[in-house]
C-alpha atoms as a PDB file:
ATOM      1  CA  MET A   1      89.649 104.872 104.505  1.00  0.00           C
ATOM      2  CA  GLN A   2      88.939 108.243 106.095  1.00  0.00           C
ATOM      3  CA  ALA A   3      91.755 110.535 107.124  1.00  0.00           C
ATOM      4  CA  THR A   4      92.565 114.241 107.538  1.00  0.00           C
ATOM      5  CA  THR A   5      95.613 113.877 105.262  1.00  0.00           C
ATOM      6  CA  LEU A   6      96.749 111.024 102.948  1.00  0.00           C
ATOM      7  CA  ILE A   7     100.189 111.260 101.698  1.00  0.00           C
ATOM      8  CA  LEU A   8     101.777 108.502  99.441  1.00  0.00           C
ATOM      9  CA  GLU A   9     105.449 109.267  98.705  1.00  0.00           C
ATOM     10  CA  ASP A  10     107.628 106.998  96.741  1.00  0.00           C
ATOM     11  CA  VAL A  11     105.590 104.001  97.543  1.00  0.00           C
ATOM     12  CA  SER A  12     104.785 101.153  95.022  1.00  0.00           C
ATOM     13  CA  GLY A  13     101.117 102.105  95.081  1.00  0.00           C
ATOM     14  CA  LEU A  14      97.753 101.383  96.661  1.00  0.00           C
ATOM     15  CA  GLN A  15      95.740  98.616  95.147  1.00  0.00           C
ATOM     16  CA  VAL A  16      92.336  97.035  95.486  1.00  0.00           C
ATOM     17  CA  SER A  17      92.391  93.172  94.707  1.00  0.00           C
ATOM     18  CA  SER A  18      90.572  90.004  95.229  1.00  0.00           C
ATOM     19  CA  THR A  19      91.787  86.808  96.800  1.00  0.00           C
ATOM     20  CA  GLY A  20      89.239  84.766  94.980  1.00  0.00           C
ATOM     21  CA  ASN A  21      86.569  84.971  92.225  1.00  0.00           C
ATOM     22  CA  GLY A  22      84.212  87.817  91.976  1.00  0.00           C
ATOM     23  CA  ASN A  23      84.576  91.533  92.505  1.00  0.00           C
ATOM     24  CA  ALA A  24      87.969  92.694  93.425  1.00  0.00           C
ATOM     25  CA  GLY A  25      86.489  94.988  96.076  1.00  0.00           C
ATOM     26  CA  ASN A  26      86.062  98.751  96.595  1.00  0.00           C
ATOM     27  CA  LEU A  27      88.096 101.315  98.265  1.00  0.00           C
ATOM     28  CA  LYS A  28      87.022 104.895  98.956  1.00  0.00           C
ATOM     29  CA  VAL A  29      89.394 107.341 100.362  1.00  0.00           C
ATOM     30  CA  VAL A  30      88.094 110.473 101.991  1.00  0.00           C
ATOM     31  CA  ALA A  31      90.325 113.199 103.183  1.00  0.00           C
ATOM     32  CA  ASP A  32      90.853 116.842 103.490  1.00  0.00           C
ATOM     33  CA  THR A  33      94.143 116.458 101.672  1.00  0.00           C
ATOM     34  CA  ILE A  34      95.236 113.802  99.322  1.00  0.00           C
ATOM     35  CA  LYS A  35      98.816 113.954  98.110  1.00  0.00           C
ATOM     36  CA  LEU A  36     100.396 111.597  95.556  1.00  0.00           C
ATOM     37  CA  ASP A  37     104.177 111.697  94.853  1.00  0.00           C
ATOM     38  CA  ASN A  38     105.415 109.096  92.416  1.00  0.00           C
ATOM     39  CA  SER A  39     102.418 106.706  93.432  1.00  0.00           C
ATOM     40  CA  GLU A  40      99.409 105.344  91.698  1.00  0.00           C
ATOM     41  CA  PHE A  41      96.023 103.862  92.436  1.00  0.00           C
ATOM     42  CA  ASN A  42      95.057 100.839  90.581  1.00  0.00           C
ATOM     43  CA  ALA A  43      91.608  99.064  90.412  1.00  0.00           C
ATOM     44  CA  ALA A  44      92.944  95.539  90.028  1.00  0.00           C
ATOM     45  CA  VAL A  45      91.125  92.558  88.367  1.00  0.00           C
ATOM     46  CA  SER A  46      90.015  89.636  90.491  1.00  0.00           C
ATOM     47  CA  GLN A  47      91.981  86.239  90.099  1.00  0.00           C
ATOM     48  CA  ASP A  48      89.525  85.171  87.544  1.00  0.00           C
ATOM     49  CA  GLY A  49      90.329  88.139  85.467  1.00  0.00           C
ATOM     50  CA  GLN A  50      86.707  89.338  85.272  1.00  0.00           C
ATOM     51  CA  ASP A  51      85.626  91.815  87.790  1.00  0.00           C
ATOM     52  CA  LYS A  52      87.485  94.980  88.699  1.00  0.00           C
ATOM     53  CA  GLY A  53      87.461  96.801  91.956  1.00  0.00           C
ATOM     54  CA  GLU A  54      86.862 100.570  92.273  1.00  0.00           C
ATOM     55  CA  VAL A  55      88.960 103.306  93.795  1.00  0.00           C
ATOM     56  CA  THR A  56      87.167 106.529  94.477  1.00  0.00           C
ATOM     57  CA  LEU A  57      89.127 109.648  95.766  1.00  0.00           C
ATOM     58  CA  VAL A  58      87.108 112.260  97.524  1.00  0.00           C
ATOM     59  CA  ALA A  59      88.731 115.546  98.677  1.00  0.00           C
ATOM     60  CA  TYR A  60      86.941 118.180 100.729  1.00  0.00           C
ATOM     61  CA  ASP A  61      87.716 121.878 101.415  1.00  0.00           C
ATOM     62  CA  PRO A  62      88.377 121.875 105.115  1.00  0.00           C
ATOM     63  CA  THR A  63      87.328 125.618 105.286  1.00  0.00           C
ATOM     64  CA  LYS A  64      83.843 124.707 103.844  1.00  0.00           C
ATOM     65  CA  THR A  65      81.986 122.137 105.884  1.00  0.00           C
ATOM     66  CA  GLY A  66      80.114 119.621 103.711  1.00  0.00           C
ATOM     67  CA  VAL A  67      81.262 121.206 100.336  1.00  0.00           C
ATOM     68  CA  GLN A  68      82.894 118.576  98.053  1.00  0.00           C
ATOM     69  CA  ARG A  69      85.479 119.640  95.503  1.00  0.00           C
ATOM     70  CA  SER A  70      87.212 117.776  92.912  1.00  0.00           C
ATOM     71  CA  SER A  71      90.987 116.881  92.993  1.00  0.00           C
ATOM     72  CA  PRO A  72      93.113 119.753  92.088  1.00  0.00           C
ATOM     73  CA  THR A  73      95.406 117.576  89.954  1.00  0.00           C
ATOM     74  CA  PRO A  74      93.943 116.054  86.809  1.00  0.00           C
ATOM     75  CA  ALA A  75      96.822 113.486  86.681  1.00  0.00           C
ATOM     76  CA  SER A  76      95.706 111.950  90.046  1.00  0.00           C
ATOM     77  CA  CYS A  77      92.201 111.456  88.596  1.00  0.00           C
ATOM     78  CA  ALA A  78      93.569 109.920  85.475  1.00  0.00           C
ATOM     79  CA  ALA A  79      95.009 106.976  87.481  1.00  0.00           C
ATOM     80  CA  VAL A  80      91.521 106.305  88.970  1.00  0.00           C
ATOM     81  CA  ARG A  81      89.478 103.728  87.043  1.00  0.00           C
ATOM     82  CA  SER A  82      86.801 101.282  87.737  1.00  0.00           C
END
């Protein structure tokens, strides 16, 4: 997913999951602004309970082309797991 701004407000969450056996899949969110309000990201296990997917958040400073910066809110990063 690539967007200028991603805002999740009071939704149940965003999840990566598998419909069968194997890796649950990967989701990479790239945006200038990522805002999480009462939301969570989950790397869900596949139906066989073995392999997890991966959720990656990447935020960029829109004033500095090509310069990557980390998420300004550690709580958002804590919810990301692989």
